Amino acid sequence: MEEYGIAAFRSRQQVISFEEALRRLGVPARVISTPRDVALGCGLSVRFDRRYLKSVQSALNGQRGDQLVGLYLVTPAGVRNRLTAVSLR
């Protein structure tokens, strides 16, 4: 399995809205359950392919920042995945 990214938000509405925004930009995205390692948020995140990271960062810069819990890269590592926080820049 390859590395992928997730954007975690505080509200389900923001998750749905951001997924739709990414799709409009041509970024394949889907709603997933937020990994346990991200303790905050509404329990849902937007998953995207790592190769679209720059597009996702740009899209997030245009969103309300108070609803974002974090942007992460998820690296499959055996039984548990490894999460790495990514800046919005």
Protein backbone atom coordinates (compact mmCIF):
# COMPACT_ATOMS: atom_id res chain seq x y z
CA MET A 1 0.00 0.00 0.00
CA GLU A 2 1.25 3.46 -0.86
CA GLU A 3 1.50 6.58 1.24
CA TYR A 4 -1.60 8.80 1.16
CA GLY A 5 -2.78 12.01 2.74
CA ILE A 6 -5.68 12.92 4.98
CA ALA A 7 -7.22 16.22 6.01
CA ALA A 8 -9.02 16.01 9.36
CA PHE A 9 -11.68 18.55 10.36
CA ARG A 10 -13.72 19.40 13.44
CA SER A 11 -17.09 19.17 11.67
CA ARG A 12 -18.65 16.63 9.33
CA GLN A 13 -20.01 19.45 7.20
CA GLN A 14 -16.47 20.73 6.62
CA VAL A 15 -15.31 17.22 5.63
CA ILE A 16 -18.07 16.89 3.04
CA SER A 17 -17.52 20.42 1.77
CA PHE A 18 -13.76 19.91 1.40
CA GLU A 19 -14.18 16.59 -0.38
CA GLU A 20 -16.49 18.29 -2.89
CA ALA A 21 -14.03 21.18 -3.32
CA LEU A 22 -11.20 18.74 -4.09
CA ARG A 23 -13.33 16.86 -6.61
CA ARG A 24 -14.15 20.15 -8.37
CA LEU A 25 -10.38 20.75 -8.63
CA GLY A 26 -9.93 17.31 -10.19
CA VAL A 27 -8.38 15.76 -7.08
CA PRO A 28 -9.73 12.27 -6.39
CA ALA A 29 -10.86 12.23 -2.75
CA ARG A 30 -13.09 10.24 -0.44
CA VAL A 31 -14.40 10.45 3.10
CA ILE A 32 -12.88 7.96 5.55
CA SER A 33 -12.88 7.35 9.30
CA THR A 34 -10.18 9.42 10.96
CA PRO A 35 -7.24 7.31 12.20
CA ARG A 36 -7.06 6.88 15.97
CA ASP A 37 -3.74 8.71 16.11
CA VAL A 38 -5.61 11.91 15.27
CA ALA A 39 -7.46 12.28 18.55
CA LEU A 40 -9.40 15.43 17.68
CA GLY A 41 -12.15 16.09 15.21
CA CYS A 42 -15.49 14.74 14.13
CA GLY A 43 -14.34 11.21 13.33
CA LEU A 44 -14.23 11.70 9.56
CA SER A 45 -11.42 12.87 7.27
CA VAL A 46 -10.82 13.40 3.57
CA ARG A 47 -8.37 10.93 2.02
CA PHE A 48 -6.38 11.82 -1.10
CA ASP A 49 -3.46 10.46 -3.11
CA ARG A 50 -0.10 11.84 -1.98
CA ARG A 51 0.73 13.13 -5.46
CA TYR A 52 -2.01 15.76 -5.01
CA LEU A 53 -0.53 17.16 -1.80
CA LYS A 54 0.33 20.60 -3.28
CA SER A 55 -3.20 20.99 -4.68
CA VAL A 56 -4.70 20.00 -1.32
CA GLN A 57 -2.47 22.47 0.53
CA SER A 58 -3.56 25.25 -1.84
CA ALA A 59 -7.22 24.33 -1.40
CA LEU A 60 -6.85 24.32 2.40
CA ASN A 61 -5.29 27.78 2.34
CA GLY A 62 -8.59 29.03 0.90
CA GLN A 63 -10.70 27.37 3.63
CA ARG A 64 -11.61 28.53 7.13
CA GLY A 65 -8.64 27.43 9.20
CA ASP A 66 -10.49 27.09 12.49
CA GLN A 67 -12.23 23.88 11.36
CA LEU A 68 -9.05 22.06 10.26
CA VAL A 69 -7.59 19.65 12.81
CA GLY A 70 -4.59 18.83 10.64
CA LEU A 71 -3.13 17.65 7.37
CA TYR A 72 -1.22 14.37 7.53
CA LEU A 73 0.65 11.88 5.40
CA VAL A 74 -0.12 8.27 6.27
CA THR A 75 2.64 5.73 5.66
CA PRO A 76 1.68 2.07 5.88
CA ALA A 77 3.98 0.46 8.44
CA GLY A 78 2.87 -3.07 9.27
CA VAL A 79 -0.04 -3.32 11.65
CA ARG A 80 -0.08 0.41 12.50
CA ASN A 81 0.23 3.24 10.04
CA ARG A 82 2.63 6.11 10.69
CA LEU A 83 1.17 9.64 10.59
CA THR A 84 3.29 12.67 9.79
CA ALA A 85 1.87 16.17 10.15
CA VAL A 86 2.26 18.39 7.09
CA SER A 87 2.27 22.18 7.07
CA LEU A 88 -0.13 24.10 4.87
CA ARG A 89 2.66 25.86 2.99
